[in-house]
């Protein structure tokens, strides 16, 4: 077990006034602190009602004390939790008393970091704790719980086992050339390569889904003034989040709202209408619209169908100009809004605009909005979270893609030159890269960045 030195303490509940507060203490001085504050160390894993004493032996508060001896604790060290009344002053006095007895204030995430260093959790599970706390939907909370239970870690380890088996097979062929194995024609080698390739595809799909569930999708509503962007924004939000008026240019600044579609979090931004203007305030609004489009995951380009004489695909020149405002590579859904005025049927139009799908909707009546929600999920590659869904971060997806790139590089060199040694070396890089996900092979800098994002007390 890794020893991490000083005893740490911190509030495990949010600051402020509440029914109870919890102070968590972990480290080698826990028993001495318990004796000084409680008179004796509580029985392991038994809740005891105790007076919490100050330096003069006077009670600061009365509450529940819980003691978890090492190694059977959250951090793997001796842990003491004091459950006191949730007033700001009493918790401050208790924490000051703990610090006076030799503890120091824990850094954000330091309890979980010690759990990781003491092999109580792998890095995926530790990250899942923070994701469970920060979950913005029931689906995200369930997925984070599965990652905390080790489902994601097990999938990564299973893939790494397949890579290990493939590498062992290749190195055996290298070490015993008398067997005269023709690498490119070997059926078992082909099977093993196919299994690893399928494992990467499956795990990357899982990670993309989990990343969307955790981080959501940045969706930007863009279009000309008075095309109905704000009305559509309000319809998606379910309430009047943005001001709607008949005169153009009402929206000058960015308006944001978080919306959930079947577990997929959307960070939707309503923007100023795209047009040339001499008004300096509106000019700033247009500049902010363009900036948001530059970081969008999806752009919803809103067209006023009631004023459009160009048919189902819109006015070609105007739509082309609007599409030119959206950076290349960003997915776009063209929305023909106000079909309650144009008389068009709701749903997908048969035509596309520059390869982008066209949907007919009415922000006023809600027609076509269900189709829009489904189209957003389709463009994002998001399916309804099932029992196998786990939470994931962009770090996991990036690391998987790096590992996959090493695997593909190895396959290419094997096919081009039958260089088994080079293939085996690429497979070693695959193993090391996959190990970064669970933390078996991680730099101190990476660990510092990950745990510093946790809340204090966890």
Protein backbone atom coordinates (compact mmCIF):
# COMPACT_ATOMS: atom_id res chain seq x y z
CA UNK A 1 0.00 0.00 0.00
CA UNK A 2 1.36 3.41 -0.92
CA UNK A 3 1.88 5.65 2.11
CA UNK A 4 0.94 9.25 1.42
CA UNK A 5 2.29 10.91 4.57
CA UNK A 6 0.42 13.66 6.35
CA UNK A 7 -3.08 13.34 7.73
CA UNK A 8 -5.64 15.37 5.77
CA UNK A 9 -9.06 16.72 6.68
CA UNK A 10 -11.90 18.49 4.92
CA UNK A 11 -15.62 18.99 4.72
CA UNK A 12 -17.29 16.19 2.77
CA UNK A 13 -20.54 18.19 2.56
CA UNK A 14 -21.13 21.56 0.88
CA UNK A 15 -20.36 24.74 2.79
CA UNK A 16 -23.30 26.63 4.24
CA UNK A 17 -26.18 26.01 6.60
CA UNK A 18 -27.79 22.57 6.67
CA UNK A 19 -29.13 19.79 8.85
CA UNK A 20 -25.78 18.00 9.15
CA UNK A 21 -22.21 18.43 7.97
CA UNK A 22 -19.53 15.78 7.62
CA UNK A 23 -15.83 16.30 8.32
CA UNK A 24 -13.62 13.58 6.84
CA UNK A 25 -10.13 12.83 8.19
CA UNK A 26 -7.64 10.40 6.63
CA UNK A 27 -4.08 9.45 7.48
CA UNK A 28 -1.74 8.10 10.15
CA UNK A 29 -2.82 10.53 12.90
CA UNK A 30 -6.51 9.55 12.80
CA UNK A 31 -6.42 7.38 15.95
CA UNK A 32 -4.69 10.11 17.98
CA UNK A 33 -7.19 12.72 16.74
CA UNK A 34 -10.08 10.40 17.65
CA UNK A 35 -8.75 9.88 21.18
CA UNK A 36 -8.20 13.62 21.68
CA UNK A 37 -11.65 14.64 20.42
CA UNK A 38 -13.79 11.65 21.42
CA UNK A 39 -12.01 10.19 24.45
CA UNK A 40 -11.28 6.94 22.62
CA UNK A 41 -11.22 5.58 19.09
CA UNK A 42 -14.68 4.29 18.04
CA UNK A 43 -15.25 0.66 17.13
CA UNK A 44 -14.51 0.06 13.45
CA UNK A 45 -17.51 0.64 11.17
CA UNK A 46 -19.90 1.31 14.09
CA UNK A 47 -21.79 4.61 14.29
CA UNK A 48 -21.33 6.07 17.76
CA UNK A 49 -23.03 9.10 19.29
CA UNK A 50 -20.20 11.09 20.85
CA UNK A 51 -19.30 14.53 22.19
CA UNK A 52 -16.68 16.29 20.05
CA UNK A 53 -14.28 17.92 22.56
CA UNK A 54 -12.15 21.05 22.31
CA UNK A 55 -8.65 21.42 23.80
CA UNK A 56 -10.11 22.13 27.27
CA UNK A 57 -12.30 19.03 27.20
CA UNK A 58 -15.49 20.99 26.62
CA UNK A 59 -17.96 19.74 23.97
CA UNK A 60 -17.99 21.65 20.69
CA UNK A 61 -20.93 19.61 19.42
CA UNK A 62 -22.55 16.19 19.76
CA UNK A 63 -22.84 13.96 16.72
CA UNK A 64 -22.01 10.67 15.02
CA UNK A 65 -18.45 9.36 14.76
CA UNK A 66 -17.49 6.64 12.27
CA UNK A 67 -14.06 5.00 12.16
CA UNK A 68 -12.73 2.94 9.24
CA UNK A 69 -9.31 1.36 9.92
CA UNK A 70 -6.83 0.81 7.10
CA UNK A 71 -6.86 -0.83 4.66
CA UNK A 72 -10.64 -1.29 4.64
CA UNK A 73 -11.57 2.34 4.05
CA UNK A 74 -12.28 4.64 1.12
CA UNK A 75 -8.69 5.93 0.97
CA UNK A 76 -6.99 2.75 2.15
CA UNK A 77 -5.76 4.68 5.22
CA UNK A 78 -7.31 5.12 8.66
CA UNK A 79 -10.40 7.30 8.13
CA UNK A 80 -12.57 9.11 10.69
CA UNK A 81 -15.83 10.85 9.78
CA UNK A 82 -17.49 13.28 12.17
CA UNK A 83 -21.15 14.03 11.46
CA UNK A 84 -22.05 17.25 13.23
CA UNK A 85 -24.85 19.83 13.08
CA UNK A 86 -24.66 21.72 9.82
CA UNK A 87 -24.05 25.25 11.03
CA UNK A 88 -21.18 27.20 9.47
CA UNK A 89 -19.61 28.21 12.79
CA UNK A 90 -19.70 24.79 14.47
CA UNK A 91 -18.12 23.07 11.45
CA UNK A 92 -15.39 25.71 11.31
CA UNK A 93 -14.60 25.21 15.01
CA UNK A 94 -14.49 21.42 14.59
CA UNK A 95 -12.25 21.65 11.54
CA UNK A 96 -9.92 24.07 13.35
CA UNK A 97 -9.68 21.56 16.22
CA UNK A 98 -8.77 18.74 13.82
CA UNK A 99 -6.10 20.90 12.18
CA UNK A 100 -4.67 21.87 15.59
CA UNK A 101 -4.25 18.14 16.31
CA UNK A 102 -1.92 17.67 13.34
CA UNK A 103 -4.02 17.37 10.18
CA UNK A 104 -3.89 19.73 7.22
CA UNK A 105 -6.64 20.84 4.86
CA UNK A 106 -7.08 18.39 1.98
CA UNK A 107 -6.56 19.57 -1.56
CA UNK A 108 -9.50 19.16 -3.99
CA UNK A 109 -9.76 15.48 -4.84
CA UNK A 110 -7.03 14.41 -2.43
CA UNK A 111 -9.14 11.75 -0.68
CA UNK A 112 -9.90 10.12 -4.06
CA UNK A 113 -6.26 10.55 -5.12
CA UNK A 114 -5.15 8.61 -2.04
CA UNK A 115 -7.74 5.93 -2.82
CA UNK A 116 -6.20 5.64 -6.29
CA UNK A 117 -2.61 5.60 -5.02
CA UNK A 118 -3.52 2.94 -2.45
CA UNK A 119 -5.13 0.72 -5.13
CA UNK A 120 -8.66 1.13 -3.80
CA UNK A 121 -9.82 2.55 -7.15
CA UNK A 122 -8.38 2.75 -10.63
CA UNK A 123 -8.29 6.10 -12.41
CA UNK A 124 -11.49 5.45 -14.35
CA UNK A 125 -13.37 4.70 -11.16
CA UNK A 126 -11.94 7.77 -9.42
CA UNK A 127 -13.06 10.00 -12.29
CA UNK A 128 -16.47 8.35 -12.19
CA UNK A 129 -16.90 9.58 -8.60
CA UNK A 130 -16.60 13.20 -9.74
CA UNK A 131 -18.85 12.49 -12.73
CA UNK A 132 -21.49 10.93 -10.48
CA UNK A 133 -21.44 14.05 -8.29
CA UNK A 134 -21.68 16.34 -11.35
CA UNK A 135 -24.22 14.24 -13.29
CA UNK A 136 -26.77 16.44 -15.03
CA UNK A 137 -29.34 13.72 -15.75
CA UNK A 138 -30.54 10.39 -14.42
CA UNK A 139 -28.96 8.64 -17.42
CA UNK A 140 -25.59 10.28 -16.72
CA UNK A 141 -25.81 9.31 -13.03
CA UNK A 142 -26.56 5.67 -13.91
CA UNK A 143 -23.71 5.60 -16.43
CA UNK A 144 -21.29 7.12 -13.90
CA UNK A 145 -22.32 4.50 -11.35
CA UNK A 146 -21.52 1.73 -13.85
CA UNK A 147 -18.08 3.24 -14.42
CA UNK A 148 -17.59 3.49 -10.65
CA UNK A 149 -18.49 -0.18 -10.32
CA UNK A 150 -15.74 -0.99 -12.83
CA UNK A 151 -17.68 -1.75 -16.02
CA UNK A 152 -15.63 0.65 -18.17
CA UNK A 153 -12.36 -0.49 -16.58
CA UNK A 154 -13.25 -4.11 -17.31
CA UNK A 155 -13.86 -3.32 -20.98
CA UNK A 156 -10.51 -1.53 -21.28
CA UNK A 157 -8.69 -4.36 -19.52
CA UNK A 158 -10.40 -6.95 -21.74
CA UNK A 159 -9.19 -5.15 -24.85
CA UNK A 160 -5.69 -4.89 -23.39
CA UNK A 161 -5.75 -8.63 -22.72
CA UNK A 162 -6.56 -9.27 -26.39
CA UNK A 163 -3.68 -7.00 -27.41
CA UNK A 164 -1.38 -8.85 -25.01
CA UNK A 165 -2.41 -12.18 -26.53
CA UNK A 166 -1.77 -10.86 -30.04
CA UNK A 167 1.63 -9.51 -29.07
CA UNK A 168 2.55 -12.81 -27.38
CA UNK A 169 1.55 -14.70 -30.52
CA UNK A 170 3.65 -12.41 -32.74
CA UNK A 171 6.71 -12.60 -30.48
CA UNK A 172 6.44 -16.40 -30.35
CA UNK A 173 6.58 -16.46 -34.15
CA UNK A 174 9.65 -14.21 -34.04
CA UNK A 175 11.41 -16.28 -31.35
CA UNK A 176 10.79 -19.64 -33.06
CA UNK A 177 11.50 -19.06 -36.76
CA UNK A 178 11.87 -22.82 -37.34
CA UNK A 179 8.10 -23.04 -37.19
CA UNK A 180 8.10 -21.15 -40.53
CA UNK A 181 4.87 -19.30 -39.83
CA UNK A 182 3.84 -17.19 -42.79
CA UNK A 183 2.55 -14.16 -40.91
CA UNK A 184 0.35 -12.71 -43.62
CA UNK A 185 -1.23 -16.06 -44.35
CA UNK A 186 -1.65 -17.25 -40.78
CA UNK A 187 -5.37 -17.73 -40.05
CA UNK A 188 -4.96 -17.51 -36.25
CA UNK A 189 -3.07 -14.22 -36.54
CA UNK A 190 -5.79 -12.81 -38.80
CA UNK A 191 -8.42 -13.86 -36.29
CA UNK A 192 -6.60 -12.21 -33.41
CA UNK A 193 -6.12 -8.98 -35.37
CA UNK A 194 -9.83 -8.94 -36.25
CA UNK A 195 -10.79 -9.44 -32.60
CA UNK A 196 -8.64 -6.49 -31.50
CA UNK A 197 -9.96 -4.30 -34.34
CA UNK A 198 -13.55 -5.11 -33.34
CA UNK A 199 -12.70 -4.39 -29.70
CA UNK A 200 -11.39 -0.94 -30.57
CA UNK A 201 -14.48 -0.14 -32.63
CA UNK A 202 -16.79 -1.26 -29.82
CA UNK A 203 -14.90 0.57 -27.07
CA UNK A 204 -14.55 3.82 -29.04
CA UNK A 205 -18.29 3.78 -29.71
CA UNK A 206 -18.91 3.28 -25.98
CA UNK A 207 -16.54 6.13 -25.11
CA UNK A 208 -18.14 8.52 -27.63
CA UNK A 209 -21.56 7.75 -26.20
CA UNK A 210 -20.31 8.18 -22.65
CA UNK A 211 -18.54 11.45 -23.49
CA UNK A 212 -21.74 12.86 -24.97
CA UNK A 213 -23.67 11.76 -21.90
CA UNK A 214 -21.19 13.55 -19.65
CA UNK A 215 -20.28 16.68 -21.62
CA UNK A 216 -23.28 17.12 -23.89
CA UNK A 217 -23.45 18.90 -27.22
CA UNK A 218 -22.82 22.57 -27.94
CA UNK A 219 -25.73 23.59 -30.21
CA UNK A 220 -25.86 27.07 -31.79
CA UNK A 221 -29.00 28.56 -33.35
CA UNK A 222 -28.04 30.85 -36.24
CA UNK A 223 -29.84 32.62 -39.07
CA UNK A 224 -31.09 35.97 -40.30
CA UNK A 225 -32.92 38.33 -37.92
CA UNK A 226 -36.61 37.50 -37.44
CA UNK A 227 -36.25 33.94 -38.74
CA UNK A 228 -37.67 32.66 -35.44
CA UNK A 229 -34.46 31.58 -33.70
CA UNK A 230 -35.55 32.83 -30.28
CA UNK A 231 -39.02 31.30 -30.64
CA UNK A 232 -37.42 27.99 -31.54
CA UNK A 233 -35.00 28.37 -28.62
CA UNK A 234 -37.96 28.88 -26.25
CA UNK A 235 -39.83 25.93 -27.75
CA UNK A 236 -36.84 23.62 -27.15
CA UNK A 237 -36.30 25.01 -23.64
CA UNK A 238 -39.98 24.65 -22.75
CA UNK A 239 -40.34 28.19 -21.43
CA UNK A 240 -39.75 31.81 -22.49
CA UNK A 241 -35.99 31.89 -21.94
CA UNK A 242 -35.33 34.46 -24.69
CA UNK A 243 -37.16 37.69 -25.58
CA UNK A 244 -39.28 37.41 -28.72
CA UNK A 245 -40.44 40.49 -30.67
CA UNK A 246 -41.59 41.26 -34.20
CA UNK A 247 -38.86 43.80 -34.97
CA UNK A 248 -35.57 42.37 -36.26
CA UNK A 249 -32.42 42.49 -34.16
CA UNK A 250 -34.08 41.86 -30.78
CA UNK A 251 -31.39 39.39 -29.71
CA UNK A 252 -28.15 41.29 -29.20
CA UNK A 253 -26.28 39.01 -26.81
CA UNK A 254 -25.93 35.26 -26.39
CA UNK A 255 -28.70 33.46 -24.50
CA UNK A 256 -27.88 30.02 -23.15
CA UNK A 257 -29.98 27.16 -21.86
CA UNK A 258 -29.31 23.54 -20.92
CA UNK A 259 -31.79 21.10 -22.43
CA UNK A 260 -31.97 17.34 -22.06
CA UNK A 261 -33.07 15.05 -24.90
CA UNK A 262 -33.45 11.43 -23.76
CA UNK A 263 -30.38 11.74 -21.54
CA UNK A 264 -28.31 13.78 -24.03
CA UNK A 265 -27.42 17.16 -22.51
CA UNK A 266 -27.61 20.06 -24.97
CA UNK A 267 -25.95 23.40 -24.29
CA UNK A 268 -28.11 25.50 -26.62
CA UNK A 269 -27.11 29.06 -27.54
CA UNK A 270 -29.47 31.60 -29.11
CA UNK A 271 -27.56 34.22 -31.07
CA UNK A 272 -27.93 37.59 -32.78
CA UNK A 273 -29.19 37.45 -36.37
CA UNK A 274 -26.49 37.39 -39.04
CA UNK A 275 -26.66 40.55 -41.13
CA UNK A 276 -24.71 43.72 -41.96
CA UNK A 277 -25.55 46.54 -39.57
CA UNK A 278 -24.25 49.95 -38.51
CA UNK A 279 -25.47 49.54 -34.94
CA UNK A 280 -22.30 48.95 -32.84
CA UNK A 281 -24.19 46.90 -30.24
CA UNK A 282 -25.68 44.63 -32.89
CA UNK A 283 -22.27 44.40 -34.59
CA UNK A 284 -20.85 43.03 -31.34
CA UNK A 285 -23.75 40.57 -31.18
CA UNK A 286 -23.02 39.33 -34.70
CA UNK A 287 -19.33 38.96 -33.83
CA UNK A 288 -20.28 36.85 -30.83
CA UNK A 289 -22.53 34.73 -33.04
CA UNK A 290 -19.61 33.98 -35.35
CA UNK A 291 -17.39 33.16 -32.37
CA UNK A 292 -19.97 30.68 -31.04
CA UNK A 293 -20.28 29.02 -34.43
CA UNK A 294 -16.53 28.46 -34.34
CA UNK A 295 -16.81 26.24 -31.23
CA UNK A 296 -20.16 24.60 -31.95
CA UNK A 297 -20.68 20.84 -32.12
CA UNK A 298 -23.84 21.42 -34.17
CA UNK A 299 -25.34 24.45 -35.91
CA UNK A 300 -29.10 24.81 -36.41
CA UNK A 301 -29.50 27.18 -39.36
CA UNK A 302 -32.97 28.73 -39.13
CA UNK A 303 -34.72 29.93 -42.33
CA UNK A 304 -38.04 31.81 -42.41
CA UNK A 305 -40.16 29.53 -44.61
CA UNK A 306 -42.98 32.10 -44.79
CA UNK A 307 -40.77 34.58 -46.68
CA UNK A 308 -38.81 32.03 -48.69
CA UNK A 309 -39.64 31.85 -52.37
CA UNK A 310 -37.01 29.26 -53.14
CA UNK A 311 -38.98 26.12 -52.39
CA UNK A 312 -38.15 23.35 -49.96
CA UNK A 313 -34.39 23.91 -50.19
CA UNK A 314 -34.60 27.63 -49.41
CA UNK A 315 -33.34 30.63 -51.33
CA UNK A 316 -30.07 29.30 -52.75
CA UNK A 317 -28.09 32.54 -52.53
CA UNK A 318 -29.23 33.42 -49.02
CA UNK A 319 -28.74 29.93 -47.61
CA UNK A 320 -25.34 29.66 -49.28
CA UNK A 321 -24.32 32.94 -47.66
CA UNK A 322 -25.46 31.76 -44.25
CA UNK A 323 -23.68 28.43 -44.64
CA UNK A 324 -20.55 30.40 -45.46
CA UNK A 325 -20.71 31.85 -41.94
CA UNK A 326 -20.37 28.36 -40.42
CA UNK A 327 -16.82 26.92 -40.25
CA UNK A 328 -16.18 23.85 -42.37
CA UNK A 329 -16.52 20.53 -40.60
CA UNK A 330 -19.29 21.59 -38.21
CA UNK A 331 -22.51 19.58 -38.74
CA UNK A 332 -25.48 21.68 -39.83
CA UNK A 333 -29.23 21.04 -39.80
CA UNK A 334 -31.18 23.54 -41.93
CA UNK A 335 -34.53 24.37 -40.32
CA UNK A 336 -37.39 25.79 -42.35
CA UNK A 337 -39.27 27.50 -39.54
CA UNK A 338 -42.80 29.02 -39.55
CA UNK A 339 -44.38 26.26 -41.61
CA UNK A 340 -47.63 27.21 -39.86
CA UNK A 341 -47.54 30.23 -42.23
CA UNK A 342 -46.03 28.57 -45.31
CA UNK A 343 -48.37 25.56 -45.22
CA UNK A 344 -45.58 22.99 -45.57
CA UNK A 345 -45.86 19.61 -43.84
CA UNK A 346 -43.59 19.03 -40.80
CA UNK A 347 -40.59 16.73 -40.79
CA UNK A 348 -37.70 16.07 -43.10
CA UNK A 349 -37.68 17.69 -46.56
CA UNK A 350 -36.67 15.42 -49.45
CA UNK A 351 -34.03 17.90 -50.63
CA UNK A 352 -30.78 18.78 -48.93
CA UNK A 353 -28.81 22.03 -48.97
CA UNK A 354 -25.13 21.57 -49.79
CA UNK A 355 -25.32 18.07 -48.31
CA UNK A 356 -27.01 19.23 -45.10
CA UNK A 357 -30.39 17.80 -44.02
CA UNK A 358 -33.45 20.08 -44.10
CA UNK A 359 -36.24 19.87 -41.52
CA UNK A 360 -39.58 21.72 -41.60
CA UNK A 361 -40.71 22.96 -38.19
CA UNK A 362 -42.95 25.45 -36.49
CA UNK A 363 -41.73 27.00 -33.26
CA UNK A 364 -45.26 28.37 -32.71
CA UNK A 365 -47.20 25.10 -32.93
CA UNK A 366 -44.40 22.65 -32.11
CA UNK A 367 -44.82 20.80 -35.41
CA UNK A 368 -41.66 18.98 -36.44
CA UNK A 369 -39.88 19.47 -33.09
CA UNK A 370 -39.89 15.75 -32.28
CA UNK A 371 -38.23 15.09 -35.63
CA UNK A 372 -35.70 17.81 -34.81
CA UNK A 373 -34.85 16.21 -31.47
CA UNK A 374 -34.32 12.86 -33.17
CA UNK A 375 -32.20 14.49 -35.90
CA UNK A 376 -29.96 16.10 -33.25
CA UNK A 377 -29.39 12.70 -31.62
CA UNK A 378 -28.66 11.14 -35.01
CA UNK A 379 -26.14 13.81 -36.01
CA UNK A 380 -24.44 13.46 -32.61
CA UNK A 381 -24.29 9.68 -32.96
CA UNK A 382 -26.19 9.32 -29.70
CA UNK A 383 -28.52 6.42 -28.92
CA UNK A 384 -30.78 6.15 -25.89
CA UNK A 385 -28.63 5.07 -22.91
CA UNK A 386 -29.04 1.39 -22.18
CA UNK A 387 -27.89 -0.87 -19.38
CA UNK A 388 -24.39 -1.10 -20.84
CA UNK A 389 -23.77 2.65 -21.05
CA UNK A 390 -20.85 4.00 -19.03
CA UNK A 391 -19.66 7.55 -18.46
CA UNK A 392 -16.55 8.70 -20.31
CA UNK A 393 -14.42 11.80 -20.76
CA UNK A 394 -12.69 13.34 -23.74
CA UNK A 395 -9.41 12.11 -22.20
CA UNK A 396 -10.58 8.53 -22.51
CA UNK A 397 -11.67 8.95 -26.11
CA UNK A 398 -8.42 10.71 -27.11
CA UNK A 399 -6.33 8.00 -25.44
CA UNK A 400 -8.31 5.23 -27.12
CA UNK A 401 -7.79 6.89 -30.49
CA UNK A 402 -4.04 7.15 -29.87
CA UNK A 403 -3.91 3.47 -28.95
CA UNK A 404 -5.95 2.59 -32.05
CA UNK A 405 -3.56 4.62 -34.21
CA UNK A 406 -0.60 2.55 -32.89
CA UNK A 407 -2.51 -0.64 -33.65
CA UNK A 408 -3.31 0.45 -37.20
CA UNK A 409 0.30 1.53 -37.74
CA UNK A 410 1.43 -1.92 -36.66
CA UNK A 411 -1.03 -3.60 -39.02
CA UNK A 412 0.24 -1.49 -41.91
CA UNK A 413 3.89 -2.30 -41.27
CA UNK A 414 3.05 -6.00 -40.96
CA UNK A 415 1.17 -5.97 -44.26
CA UNK A 416 3.81 -3.98 -46.11
CA UNK A 417 6.97 -5.71 -44.87
CA UNK A 418 6.00 -8.65 -42.61
CA UNK A 419 8.14 -6.96 -39.95
CA UNK A 420 6.86 -8.82 -36.92
CA UNK A 421 9.30 -7.02 -34.59
CA UNK A 422 7.91 -3.61 -35.59
CA UNK A 423 4.35 -4.87 -35.20
CA UNK A 424 5.17 -6.15 -31.71
CA UNK A 425 6.69 -2.78 -30.80
CA UNK A 426 3.52 -0.96 -31.90
CA UNK A 427 1.46 -3.41 -29.84
CA UNK A 428 3.60 -2.55 -26.80
CA UNK A 429 2.73 1.10 -27.40
CA UNK A 430 -0.95 0.10 -27.60
CA UNK A 431 -0.69 -1.62 -24.21
CA UNK A 432 1.03 1.35 -22.56
CA UNK A 433 -1.48 3.80 -24.03
CA UNK A 434 -4.50 1.76 -22.90
CA UNK A 435 -2.96 1.56 -19.43
CA UNK A 436 -3.11 5.38 -19.25
CA UNK A 437 -6.91 5.18 -19.18
CA UNK A 438 -7.11 3.16 -15.98
CA UNK A 439 -4.03 4.83 -14.48
CA UNK A 440 -1.68 1.84 -14.52
CA UNK A 441 0.69 3.98 -16.60
CA UNK A 442 0.10 7.70 -15.90
CA UNK A 443 2.26 10.77 -15.39
CA UNK A 444 2.11 12.80 -12.18
CA UNK A 445 1.09 15.81 -14.28
CA UNK A 446 -1.96 13.94 -15.61
CA UNK A 447 -2.97 12.84 -12.12
CA UNK A 448 -2.61 16.38 -10.81
CA UNK A 449 -4.85 17.79 -13.52
CA UNK A 450 -7.50 15.11 -13.02
CA UNK A 451 -7.81 15.28 -9.24
CA UNK A 452 -7.57 19.07 -9.05
CA UNK A 453 -10.97 19.22 -10.78
CA UNK A 454 -12.65 17.32 -7.93
CA UNK A 455 -14.59 19.05 -5.16
CA UNK A 456 -12.95 19.54 -1.75
CA UNK A 457 -13.71 16.68 0.62
CA UNK A 458 -13.76 14.08 -2.16
